[in-house]
PDB file of N, CA and C in Angstrom:
ATOM      1  N   MET A   1      30.623  -5.290  55.722  1.00  0.00           N
ATOM      2  CA  MET A   1      29.220  -5.275  55.343  1.00  0.00           C
ATOM      3  C   MET A   1      28.690  -3.862  55.481  1.00  0.00           C
ATOM      4  N   THR A   2      27.866  -3.479  54.516  1.00  0.00           N
ATOM      5  CA  THR A   2      27.325  -2.134  54.489  1.00  0.00           C
ATOM      6  C   THR A   2      25.862  -2.180  54.070  1.00  0.00           C
ATOM      7  N   VAL A   3      25.042  -1.390  54.729  1.00  0.00           N
ATOM      8  CA  VAL A   3      23.663  -1.192  54.293  1.00  0.00           C
ATOM      9  C   VAL A   3      23.667   0.035  53.390  1.00  0.00           C
ATOM     10  N   LEU A   4      23.062  -0.116  52.221  1.00  0.00           N
ATOM     11  CA  LEU A   4      23.044   0.927  51.202  1.00  0.00           C
ATOM     12  C   LEU A   4      21.613   1.356  50.915  1.00  0.00           C
ATOM     13  N   ILE A   5      21.471   2.603  50.473  1.00  0.00           N
ATOM     14  CA  ILE A   5      20.152   3.100  50.071  1.00  0.00           C
ATOM     15  C   ILE A   5      20.323   3.971  48.835  1.00  0.00           C
ATOM     16  N   ASP A   6      19.457   3.778  47.858  1.00  0.00           N
ATOM     17  CA  ASP A   6      19.519   4.615  46.663  1.00  0.00           C
ATOM     18  C   ASP A   6      18.551   5.786  46.805  1.00  0.00           C
ATOM     19  N   PRO A   7      18.624   6.759  45.910  1.00  0.00           N
ATOM     20  CA  PRO A   7      17.725   7.916  45.999  1.00  0.00           C
ATOM     21  C   PRO A   7      16.269   7.502  45.787  1.00  0.00           C
ATOM     22  N   PRO A   8      15.348   8.244  46.359  1.00  0.00           N
ATOM     23  CA  PRO A   8      13.924   7.957  46.133  1.00  0.00           C
ATOM     24  C   PRO A   8      13.503   8.356  44.719  1.00  0.00           C
ATOM     25  N   LEU A   9      13.649   7.424  43.799  1.00  0.00           N
ATOM     26  CA  LEU A   9      13.380   7.667  42.376  1.00  0.00           C
ATOM     27  C   LEU A   9      12.231   6.847  41.816  1.00  0.00           C
ATOM     28  N   TRP A  10      11.775   5.860  42.568  1.00  0.00           N
ATOM     29  CA  TRP A  10      10.874   4.843  42.028  1.00  0.00           C
ATOM     30  C   TRP A  10       9.429   5.150  42.423  1.00  0.00           C
ATOM     31  N   PRO A  11       8.590   5.573  41.449  1.00  0.00           N
ATOM     32  CA  PRO A  11       7.208   5.942  41.786  1.00  0.00           C
ATOM     33  C   PRO A  11       6.302   4.724  41.965  1.00  0.00           C
ATOM     34  N   ALA A  12       5.480   4.788  42.995  1.00  0.00           N
ATOM     35  CA  ALA A  12       4.435   3.775  43.227  1.00  0.00           C
ATOM     36  C   ALA A  12       3.498   4.312  44.296  1.00  0.00           C
ATOM     37  N   HIS A  13       2.237   4.094  44.136  1.00  0.00           N
ATOM     38  CA  HIS A  13       1.235   4.447  45.145  1.00  0.00           C
ATOM     39  C   HIS A  13       1.270   5.937  45.501  1.00  0.00           C
ATOM     40  N   GLY A  14       1.537   6.778  44.503  1.00  0.00           N
ATOM     41  CA  GLY A  14       1.526   8.219  44.722  1.00  0.00           C
ATOM     42  C   GLY A  14       2.724   8.745  45.501  1.00  0.00           C
ATOM     43  N   ARG A  15       3.781   7.946  45.622  1.00  0.00           N
ATOM     44  CA  ARG A  15       4.986   8.341  46.366  1.00  0.00           C
ATOM     45  C   ARG A  15       6.218   7.930  45.574  1.00  0.00           C
ATOM     46  N   LEU A  16       7.362   8.415  46.028  1.00  0.00           N
ATOM     47  CA  LEU A  16       8.637   7.941  45.504  1.00  0.00           C
ATOM     48  C   LEU A  16       9.272   7.027  46.534  1.00  0.00           C
ATOM     49  N   TRP A  17      10.000   6.010  46.048  1.00  0.00           N
ATOM     50  CA  TRP A  17      10.555   4.980  46.915  1.00  0.00           C
ATOM     51  C   TRP A  17      12.034   4.788  46.654  1.00  0.00           C
ATOM     52  N   SER A  18      12.731   4.357  47.679  1.00  0.00           N
ATOM     53  CA  SER A  18      14.135   3.960  47.609  1.00  0.00           C
ATOM     54  C   SER A  18      14.233   2.464  47.853  1.00  0.00           C
ATOM     55  N   HIS A  19      15.398   1.919  47.535  1.00  0.00           N
ATOM     56  CA  HIS A  19      15.705   0.525  47.844  1.00  0.00           C
ATOM     57  C   HIS A  19      16.764   0.504  48.941  1.00  0.00           C
ATOM     58  N   LEU A  20      16.541  -0.305  49.938  1.00  0.00           N
ATOM     59  CA  LEU A  20      17.462  -0.491  51.047  1.00  0.00           C
ATOM     60  C   LEU A  20      18.020  -1.897  50.932  1.00  0.00           C
ATOM     61  N   VAL A  21      19.360  -2.033  50.830  1.00  0.00           N
ATOM     62  CA  VAL A  21      19.988  -3.345  50.650  1.00  0.00           C
ATOM     63  C   VAL A  21      21.214  -3.470  51.544  1.00  0.00           C
ATOM     64  N   SER A  22      21.686  -4.690  51.678  1.00  0.00           N
ATOM     65  CA  SER A  22      23.000  -4.954  52.250  1.00  0.00           C
ATOM     66  C   SER A  22      23.878  -5.458  51.125  1.00  0.00           C
ATOM     67  N   ASP A  23      25.156  -5.101  51.164  1.00  0.00           N
ATOM     68  CA  ASP A  23      26.051  -5.591  50.119  1.00  0.00           C
ATOM     69  C   ASP A  23      26.632  -6.966  50.443  1.00  0.00           C
ATOM     70  N   ALA A  24      26.241  -7.547  51.595  1.00  0.00           N
ATOM     71  CA  ALA A  24      26.850  -8.833  51.952  1.00  0.00           C
ATOM     72  C   ALA A  24      25.964  -9.780  52.749  1.00  0.00           C
ATOM     73  N   SER A  25      24.880  -9.292  53.389  1.00  0.00           N
ATOM     74  CA  SER A  25      24.165 -10.160  54.324  1.00  0.00           C
ATOM     75  C   SER A  25      22.696  -9.767  54.466  1.00  0.00           C
ATOM     76  N   LEU A  26      21.817 -10.710  54.168  1.00  0.00           N
ATOM     77  CA  LEU A  26      20.400 -10.444  54.404  1.00  0.00           C
ATOM     78  C   LEU A  26      20.109 -10.323  55.891  1.00  0.00           C
ATOM     79  N   ALA A  27      20.841 -11.048  56.712  1.00  0.00           N
ATOM     80  CA  ALA A  27      20.648 -10.937  58.166  1.00  0.00           C
ATOM     81  C   ALA A  27      20.955  -9.513  58.628  1.00  0.00           C
ATOM     82  N   GLU A  28      22.038  -8.941  58.105  1.00  0.00           N
ATOM     83  CA  GLU A  28      22.387  -7.553  58.429  1.00  0.00           C
ATOM     84  C   GLU A  28      21.269  -6.608  57.968  1.00  0.00           C
ATOM     85  N   LEU A  29      20.765  -6.824  56.769  1.00  0.00           N
ATOM     86  CA  LEU A  29      19.709  -5.982  56.228  1.00  0.00           C
ATOM     87  C   LEU A  29      18.456  -6.057  57.095  1.00  0.00           C
ATOM     88  N   HIS A  30      18.031  -7.263  57.454  1.00  0.00           N
ATOM     89  CA  HIS A  30      16.833  -7.421  58.281  1.00  0.00           C
ATOM     90  C   HIS A  30      17.023  -6.785  59.660  1.00  0.00           C
ATOM     91  N   ALA A  31      18.200  -6.940  60.236  1.00  0.00           N
ATOM     92  CA  ALA A  31      18.461  -6.347  61.549  1.00  0.00           C
ATOM     93  C   ALA A  31      18.402  -4.826  61.479  1.00  0.00           C
ATOM     94  N   PHE A  32      18.996  -4.247  60.450  1.00  0.00           N
ATOM     95  CA  PHE A  32      18.966  -2.794  60.278  1.00  0.00           C
ATOM     96  C   PHE A  32      17.531  -2.314  60.085  1.00  0.00           C
ATOM     97  N   ALA A  33      16.787  -3.022  59.246  1.00  0.00           N
ATOM     98  CA  ALA A  33      15.396  -2.645  58.992  1.00  0.00           C
ATOM     99  C   ALA A  33      14.570  -2.696  60.280  1.00  0.00           C
ATOM    100  N   ARG A  34      14.686  -3.787  61.030  1.00  0.00           N
ATOM    101  CA  ARG A  34      13.949  -3.910  62.300  1.00  0.00           C
ATOM    102  C   ARG A  34      14.313  -2.789  63.263  1.00  0.00           C
ATOM    103  N   ALA A  35      15.606  -2.516  63.380  1.00  0.00           N
ATOM    104  CA  ALA A  35      16.077  -1.498  64.317  1.00  0.00           C
ATOM    105  C   ALA A  35      15.596  -0.098  63.953  1.00  0.00           C
ATOM    106  N   ASN A  36      15.213   0.076  62.690  1.00  0.00           N
ATOM    107  CA  ASN A  36      14.801   1.400  62.231  1.00  0.00           C
ATOM    108  C   ASN A  36      13.334   1.476  61.818  1.00  0.00           C
ATOM    109  N   GLY A  37      12.556   0.490  62.247  1.00  0.00           N
ATOM    110  CA  GLY A  37      11.110   0.543  62.042  1.00  0.00           C
ATOM    111  C   GLY A  37      10.636   0.350  60.618  1.00  0.00           C
ATOM    112  N   VAL A  38      11.467  -0.276  59.781  1.00  0.00           N
ATOM    113  CA  VAL A  38      11.044  -0.547  58.405  1.00  0.00           C
ATOM    114  C   VAL A  38      10.139  -1.776  58.436  1.00  0.00           C
ATOM    115  N   PRO A  39       8.906  -1.649  57.955  1.00  0.00           N
ATOM    116  CA  PRO A  39       7.971  -2.781  58.018  1.00  0.00           C
ATOM    117  C   PRO A  39       8.446  -3.986  57.198  1.00  0.00           C
ATOM    118  N   ALA A  40       8.263  -5.167  57.739  1.00  0.00           N
ATOM    119  CA  ALA A  40       8.659  -6.404  57.059  1.00  0.00           C
ATOM    120  C   ALA A  40       7.954  -6.548  55.712  1.00  0.00           C
ATOM    121  N   ARG A  41       6.756  -6.015  55.587  1.00  0.00           N
ATOM    122  CA  ARG A  41       6.026  -6.139  54.318  1.00  0.00           C
ATOM    123  C   ARG A  41       6.729  -5.414  53.174  1.00  0.00           C
ATOM    124  N   GLY A  42       7.696  -4.548  53.486  1.00  0.00           N
ATOM    125  CA  GLY A  42       8.453  -3.838  52.458  1.00  0.00           C
ATOM    126  C   GLY A  42       9.584  -4.658  51.867  1.00  0.00           C
ATOM    127  N   PHE A  43       9.823  -5.876  52.403  1.00  0.00           N
ATOM    128  CA  PHE A  43      10.925  -6.699  51.904  1.00  0.00           C
ATOM    129  C   PHE A  43      10.509  -7.394  50.620  1.00  0.00           C
ATOM    130  N   ASP A  44      11.389  -7.337  49.605  1.00  0.00           N
ATOM    131  CA  ASP A  44      11.113  -7.959  48.311  1.00  0.00           C
ATOM    132  C   ASP A  44      12.308  -8.813  47.867  1.00  0.00           C
ATOM    133  N   LEU A  45      12.559  -9.887  48.580  1.00  0.00           N
ATOM    134  CA  LEU A  45      13.539 -10.932  48.281  1.00  0.00           C
ATOM    135  C   LEU A  45      15.003 -10.524  48.406  1.00  0.00           C
ATOM    136  N   ASP A  46      15.378  -9.315  48.002  1.00  0.00           N
ATOM    137  CA  ASP A  46      16.765  -8.882  48.147  1.00  0.00           C
ATOM    138  C   ASP A  46      16.889  -7.431  48.610  1.00  0.00           C
ATOM    139  N   HIS A  47      15.755  -6.778  48.842  1.00  0.00           N
ATOM    140  CA  HIS A  47      15.769  -5.380  49.256  1.00  0.00           C
ATOM    141  C   HIS A  47      14.477  -5.020  49.980  1.00  0.00           C
ATOM    142  N   TYR A  48      14.520  -3.904  50.666  1.00  0.00           N
ATOM    143  CA  TYR A  48      13.310  -3.300  51.218  1.00  0.00           C
ATOM    144  C   TYR A  48      12.970  -2.094  50.369  1.00  0.00           C
ATOM    145  N   ASP A  49      11.701  -1.919  50.064  1.00  0.00           N
ATOM    146  CA  ASP A  49      11.216  -0.680  49.463  1.00  0.00           C
ATOM    147  C   ASP A  49      10.878   0.256  50.615  1.00  0.00           C
ATOM    148  N   VAL A  50      11.440   1.460  50.590  1.00  0.00           N
ATOM    149  CA  VAL A  50      11.190   2.425  51.668  1.00  0.00           C
ATOM    150  C   VAL A  50      10.768   3.752  51.056  1.00  0.00           C
ATOM    151  N   PRO A  51       9.766   4.406  51.625  1.00  0.00           N
ATOM    152  CA  PRO A  51       9.282   5.663  51.062  1.00  0.00           C
ATOM    153  C   PRO A  51      10.267   6.806  51.290  1.00  0.00           C
ATOM    154  N   GLU A  52      10.179   7.801  50.410  1.00  0.00           N
ATOM    155  CA  GLU A  52      11.127   8.909  50.459  1.00  0.00           C
ATOM    156  C   GLU A  52      11.136   9.649  51.792  1.00  0.00           C
ATOM    157  N   ASP A  53      10.022   9.638  52.513  1.00  0.00           N
ATOM    158  CA  ASP A  53       9.983  10.395  53.771  1.00  0.00           C
ATOM    159  C   ASP A  53      10.817   9.769  54.884  1.00  0.00           C
ATOM    160  N   VAL A  54      11.321   8.553  54.709  1.00  0.00           N
ATOM    161  CA  VAL A  54      12.212   7.957  55.720  1.00  0.00           C
ATOM    162  C   VAL A  54      13.665   7.864  55.241  1.00  0.00           C
ATOM    163  N   HIS A  55      13.922   8.288  54.022  1.00  0.00           N
ATOM    164  CA  HIS A  55      15.269   8.214  53.454  1.00  0.00           C
ATOM    165  C   HIS A  55      16.302   8.892  54.358  1.00  0.00           C
ATOM    166  N   ALA A  56      16.073  10.122  54.734  1.00  0.00           N
ATOM    167  CA  ALA A  56      17.044  10.870  55.553  1.00  0.00           C
ATOM    168  C   ALA A  56      17.275  10.201  56.907  1.00  0.00           C
ATOM    169  N   ALA A  57      16.221   9.678  57.512  1.00  0.00           N
ATOM    170  CA  ALA A  57      16.368   9.007  58.813  1.00  0.00           C
ATOM    171  C   ALA A  57      17.202   7.738  58.686  1.00  0.00           C
ATOM    172  N   LEU A  58      17.039   7.006  57.593  1.00  0.00           N
ATOM    173  CA  LEU A  58      17.825   5.791  57.399  1.00  0.00           C
ATOM    174  C   LEU A  58      19.294   6.119  57.143  1.00  0.00           C
ATOM    175  N   VAL A  59      19.551   7.200  56.423  1.00  0.00           N
ATOM    176  CA  VAL A  59      20.933   7.642  56.224  1.00  0.00           C
ATOM    177  C   VAL A  59      21.531   8.059  57.567  1.00  0.00           C
ATOM    178  N   ALA A  60      20.769   8.803  58.361  1.00  0.00           N
ATOM    179  CA  ALA A  60      21.246   9.219  59.683  1.00  0.00           C
ATOM    180  C   ALA A  60      21.533   8.015  60.578  1.00  0.00           C
ATOM    181  N   ALA A  61      20.804   6.917  60.365  1.00  0.00           N
ATOM    182  CA  ALA A  61      20.987   5.700  61.168  1.00  0.00           C
ATOM    183  C   ALA A  61      22.153   4.844  60.670  1.00  0.00           C
ATOM    184  N   GLY A  62      22.733   5.212  59.524  1.00  0.00           N
ATOM    185  CA  GLY A  62      23.906   4.494  59.056  1.00  0.00           C
ATOM    186  C   GLY A  62      23.846   3.922  57.654  1.00  0.00           C
ATOM    187  N   ALA A  63      22.695   3.993  56.982  1.00  0.00           N
ATOM    188  CA  ALA A  63      22.631   3.531  55.596  1.00  0.00           C
ATOM    189  C   ALA A  63      23.465   4.476  54.731  1.00  0.00           C
ATOM    190  N   VAL A  64      24.247   3.914  53.834  1.00  0.00           N
ATOM    191  CA  VAL A  64      25.127   4.709  52.981  1.00  0.00           C
ATOM    192  C   VAL A  64      24.389   5.053  51.684  1.00  0.00           C
ATOM    193  N   PRO A  65      24.202   6.354  51.408  1.00  0.00           N
ATOM    194  CA  PRO A  65      23.518   6.726  50.168  1.00  0.00           C
ATOM    195  C   PRO A  65      24.418   6.515  48.954  1.00  0.00           C
ATOM    196  N   VAL A  66      23.888   5.825  47.959  1.00  0.00           N
ATOM    197  CA  VAL A  66      24.596   5.571  46.699  1.00  0.00           C
ATOM    198  C   VAL A  66      23.595   5.712  45.560  1.00  0.00           C
ATOM    199  N   GLY A  67      24.106   5.882  44.359  1.00  0.00           N
ATOM    200  CA  GLY A  67      23.235   5.908  43.196  1.00  0.00           C
ATOM    201  C   GLY A  67      22.640   4.541  42.934  1.00  0.00           C
ATOM    202  N   ALA A  68      21.581   4.516  42.135  1.00  0.00           N
ATOM    203  CA  ALA A  68      20.892   3.259  41.843  1.00  0.00           C
ATOM    204  C   ALA A  68      21.821   2.254  41.158  1.00  0.00           C
ATOM    205  N   GLY A  69      22.657   2.719  40.250  1.00  0.00           N
ATOM    206  CA  GLY A  69      23.583   1.815  39.564  1.00  0.00           C
ATOM    207  C   GLY A  69      24.600   1.204  40.512  1.00  0.00           C
ATOM    208  N   GLU A  70      25.144   2.029  41.403  1.00  0.00           N
ATOM    209  CA  GLU A  70      26.104   1.524  42.391  1.00  0.00           C
ATOM    210  C   GLU A  70      25.447   0.516  43.325  1.00  0.00           C
ATOM    211  N   LEU A  71      24.222   0.810  43.749  1.00  0.00           N
ATOM    212  CA  LEU A  71      23.501  -0.118  44.624  1.00  0.00           C
ATOM    213  C   LEU A  71      23.359  -1.475  43.943  1.00  0.00           C
ATOM    214  N   LEU A  72      22.970  -1.479  42.687  1.00  0.00           N
ATOM    215  CA  LEU A  72      22.797  -2.734  41.953  1.00  0.00           C
ATOM    216  C   LEU A  72      24.133  -3.463  41.785  1.00  0.00           C
ATOM    217  N   ARG A  73      25.191  -2.738  41.452  1.00  0.00           N
ATOM    218  CA  ARG A  73      26.510  -3.366  41.314  1.00  0.00           C
ATOM    219  C   ARG A  73      26.947  -4.028  42.618  1.00  0.00           C
ATOM    220  N   ARG A  74      26.748  -3.337  43.733  1.00  0.00           N
ATOM    221  CA  ARG A  74      27.181  -3.867  45.025  1.00  0.00           C
ATOM    222  C   ARG A  74      26.319  -5.063  45.446  1.00  0.00           C
ATOM    223  N   LEU A  75      25.024  -5.017  45.131  1.00  0.00           N
ATOM    224  CA  LEU A  75      24.131  -6.131  45.442  1.00  0.00           C
ATOM    225  C   LEU A  75      24.547  -7.370  44.650  1.00  0.00           C
ATOM    226  N   ARG A  76      24.847  -7.180  43.372  1.00  0.00           N
ATOM    227  CA  ARG A  76      25.318  -8.298  42.541  1.00  0.00           C
ATOM    228  C   ARG A  76      26.649  -8.827  43.049  1.00  0.00           C
ATOM    229  N   ALA A  77      27.593  -7.936  43.324  1.00  0.00           N
ATOM    230  CA  ALA A  77      28.928  -8.344  43.775  1.00  0.00           C
ATOM    231  C   ALA A  77      28.859  -9.131  45.080  1.00  0.00           C
ATOM    232  N   GLY A  78      27.890  -8.802  45.932  1.00  0.00           N
ATOM    233  CA  GLY A  78      27.719  -9.512  47.187  1.00  0.00           C
ATOM    234  C   GLY A  78      26.985 -10.836  47.046  1.00  0.00           C
ATOM    235  N   GLY A  79      26.511 -11.136  45.829  1.00  0.00           N
ATOM    236  CA  GLY A  79      25.822 -12.394  45.582  1.00  0.00           C
ATOM    237  C   GLY A  79      24.388 -12.434  46.084  1.00  0.00           C
ATOM    238  N   LEU A  80      23.825 -11.265  46.379  1.00  0.00           N
ATOM    239  CA  LEU A  80      22.472 -11.228  46.951  1.00  0.00           C
ATOM    240  C   LEU A  80      21.385 -10.825  45.956  1.00  0.00           C
ATOM    241  N   ARG A  81      21.761 -10.418  44.772  1.00  0.00           N
ATOM    242  CA  ARG A  81      20.786  -9.950  43.790  1.00  0.00           C
ATOM    243  C   ARG A  81      19.869 -11.084  43.367  1.00  0.00           C
ATOM    244  N   VAL A  82      18.584 -10.819  43.380  1.00  0.00           N
ATOM    245  CA  VAL A  82      17.578 -11.754  42.874  1.00  0.00           C
ATOM    246  C   VAL A  82      17.132 -11.209  41.525  1.00  0.00           C
ATOM    247  N   THR A  83      17.334 -11.974  40.468  1.00  0.00           N
ATOM    248  CA  THR A  83      16.974 -11.525  39.126  1.00  0.00           C
ATOM    249  C   THR A  83      15.453 -11.545  38.947  1.00  0.00           C
ATOM    250  N   ALA A  84      14.998 -10.902  37.891  1.00  0.00           N
ATOM    251  CA  ALA A  84      13.562 -10.887  37.601  1.00  0.00           C
ATOM    252  C   ALA A  84      13.039 -12.314  37.410  1.00  0.00           C
ATOM    253  N   ALA A  85      13.802 -13.155  36.726  1.00  0.00           N
ATOM    254  CA  ALA A  85      13.369 -14.542  36.512  1.00  0.00           C
ATOM    255  C   ALA A  85      13.284 -15.295  37.841  1.00  0.00           C
ATOM    256  N   GLN A  86      14.276 -15.120  38.700  1.00  0.00           N
ATOM    257  CA  GLN A  86      14.252 -15.770  40.017  1.00  0.00           C
ATOM    258  C   GLN A  86      13.088 -15.247  40.846  1.00  0.00           C
ATOM    259  N   ARG A  87      12.810 -13.946  40.740  1.00  0.00           N
ATOM    260  CA  ARG A  87      11.709 -13.329  41.482  1.00  0.00           C
ATOM    261  C   ARG A  87      10.375 -13.947  41.054  1.00  0.00           C
ATOM    262  N   ARG A  88      10.168 -14.086  39.726  1.00  0.00           N
ATOM    263  CA  ARG A  88       8.927 -14.693  39.220  1.00  0.00           C
ATOM    264  C   ARG A  88       8.801 -16.145  39.704  1.00  0.00           C
ATOM    265  N   GLU A  89       9.900 -16.879  39.639  1.00  0.00           N
ATOM    266  CA  GLU A  89       9.887 -18.276  40.048  1.00  0.00           C
ATOM    267  C   GLU A  89       9.550 -18.406  41.536  1.00  0.00           C
ATOM    268  N   ARG A  90      10.177 -17.603  42.364  1.00  0.00           N
ATOM    269  CA  ARG A  90       9.911 -17.673  43.809  1.00  0.00           C
ATOM    270  C   ARG A  90       8.473 -17.295  44.124  1.00  0.00           C
ATOM    271  N   ARG A  91       7.944 -16.293  43.438  1.00  0.00           N
ATOM    272  CA  ARG A  91       6.567 -15.878  43.687  1.00  0.00           C
ATOM    273  C   ARG A  91       5.574 -16.943  43.215  1.00  0.00           C
ATOM    274  N   ALA A  92       5.895 -17.616  42.117  1.00  0.00           N
ATOM    275  CA  ALA A  92       5.015 -18.677  41.619  1.00  0.00           C
ATOM    276  C   ALA A  92       4.947 -19.847  42.590  1.00  0.00           C
ATOM    277  N   ARG A  93       6.044 -20.096  43.303  1.00  0.00           N
ATOM    278  CA  ARG A  93       6.073 -21.178  44.285  1.00  0.00           C
ATOM    279  C   ARG A  93       5.340 -20.808  45.559  1.00  0.00           C
ATOM    280  N   GLY A  94       5.100 -19.519  45.722  1.00  0.00           N
ATOM    281  CA  GLY A  94       4.350 -19.072  46.902  1.00  0.00           C
ATOM    282  C   GLY A  94       5.212 -18.692  47.994  1.00  0.00           C
TER     283      GLY A  94
END
Protein backbone atom coordinates (compact mmCIF):
# COMPACT_ATOMS: atom_id res chain seq x y z
CA MET A 1 0.00 0.00 0.00
CA THR A 2 1.23 3.44 -0.91
CA VAL A 3 -0.02 6.97 -0.33
CA LEU A 4 0.40 9.02 -3.50
CA ILE A 5 0.25 12.73 -4.24
CA ASP A 6 0.08 14.48 -7.59
CA PRO A 7 1.55 17.91 -8.38
CA PRO A 8 -0.39 20.99 -7.29
CA LEU A 9 -2.04 21.66 -10.65
CA TRP A 10 -5.71 22.08 -9.80
CA PRO A 11 -6.85 25.71 -9.29
CA ALA A 12 -9.61 26.54 -6.80
CA HIS A 13 -10.19 29.32 -4.29
CA GLY A 14 -7.17 31.31 -5.48
CA ARG A 15 -4.74 28.42 -4.83
CA LEU A 16 -3.39 25.32 -6.52
CA TRP A 17 -4.30 21.91 -5.11
CA SER A 18 -3.00 18.35 -5.19
CA HIS A 19 -4.82 15.07 -4.72
CA LEU A 20 -3.73 12.72 -1.94
CA VAL A 21 -4.77 9.07 -2.43
CA SER A 22 -3.97 5.54 -1.39
CA ASP A 23 -3.51 2.92 -4.07
CA ALA A 24 -5.10 0.21 -1.93
CA SER A 25 -6.86 1.36 1.26
CA LEU A 26 -9.05 4.23 2.36
CA ALA A 27 -8.17 3.35 5.96
CA GLU A 28 -4.49 3.88 5.12
CA LEU A 29 -5.33 7.19 3.42
CA HIS A 30 -7.37 8.46 6.38
CA ALA A 31 -4.67 7.43 8.86
CA PHE A 32 -1.97 9.21 6.85
CA ALA A 33 -4.13 12.32 6.52
CA ARG A 34 -4.90 12.41 10.27
CA ALA A 35 -1.25 11.88 11.18
CA ASN A 36 -0.26 14.80 8.98
CA GLY A 37 -2.95 17.31 9.92
CA VAL A 38 -4.95 17.11 6.69
CA PRO A 39 -8.46 18.34 7.54
CA ALA A 40 -11.26 15.79 7.14
CA ARG A 41 -13.27 18.35 5.17
CA GLY A 42 -10.72 17.92 2.35
CA PHE A 43 -11.85 14.32 1.73
CA ASP A 44 -13.84 13.82 -1.49
CA LEU A 45 -14.92 10.13 -1.58
CA ASP A 46 -11.63 8.73 -2.93
CA HIS A 47 -9.04 11.45 -2.28
CA TYR A 48 -8.10 14.44 -0.18
CA ASP A 49 -7.66 17.83 -1.80
CA VAL A 50 -4.55 19.42 -0.29
CA PRO A 51 -3.17 22.90 -0.99
CA GLU A 52 0.19 23.35 -2.65
CA ASP A 53 1.77 24.79 0.51
CA VAL A 54 1.60 21.38 2.24
CA HIS A 55 2.74 19.29 -0.74
CA ALA A 56 6.42 19.17 0.28
CA ALA A 57 5.57 18.30 3.90
CA LEU A 58 3.36 15.41 2.79
CA VAL A 59 6.12 14.09 0.53
CA ALA A 60 8.58 14.39 3.43
CA ALA A 61 6.10 12.41 5.57
CA GLY A 62 6.05 9.57 3.04
CA ALA A 63 3.57 10.40 0.27
CA VAL A 64 5.04 9.34 -3.07
CA PRO A 65 4.93 12.10 -5.70
CA VAL A 66 3.54 10.92 -9.05
CA GLY A 67 2.03 12.58 -12.08
CA ALA A 68 -1.72 13.08 -12.26
CA GLY A 69 -2.13 10.31 -14.84
CA GLU A 70 -0.17 7.81 -12.76
CA LEU A 71 -2.18 8.73 -9.66
CA LEU A 72 -5.43 8.06 -11.51
CA ARG A 73 -4.16 4.76 -12.96
CA ARG A 74 -3.08 3.54 -9.52
CA LEU A 75 -6.36 4.65 -7.91
CA ARG A 76 -8.33 2.74 -10.55
CA ALA A 77 -6.08 -0.34 -10.31
CA GLY A 78 -6.62 -0.39 -6.54
CA GLY A 79 -10.39 -0.36 -7.03
CA LEU A 80 -10.83 2.88 -5.09
CA ARG A 81 -11.66 5.31 -7.89
CA VAL A 82 -15.07 6.96 -7.59
CA THR A 83 -16.34 7.97 -11.03
CA ALA A 84 -18.10 11.26 -11.71
CA ALA A 85 -21.43 9.41 -12.01
CA GLN A 86 -20.87 7.62 -8.68
CA ARG A 87 -19.84 10.93 -7.10
CA ARG A 88 -23.08 12.63 -8.27
CA GLU A 89 -25.16 9.69 -7.05
CA ARG A 90 -23.53 9.63 -3.61
CA ARG A 91 -23.92 13.38 -3.20
CA ALA A 92 -27.58 13.23 -4.23
CA ARG A 93 -28.20 10.65 -1.50
CA GLY A 94 -26.65 12.99 1.02
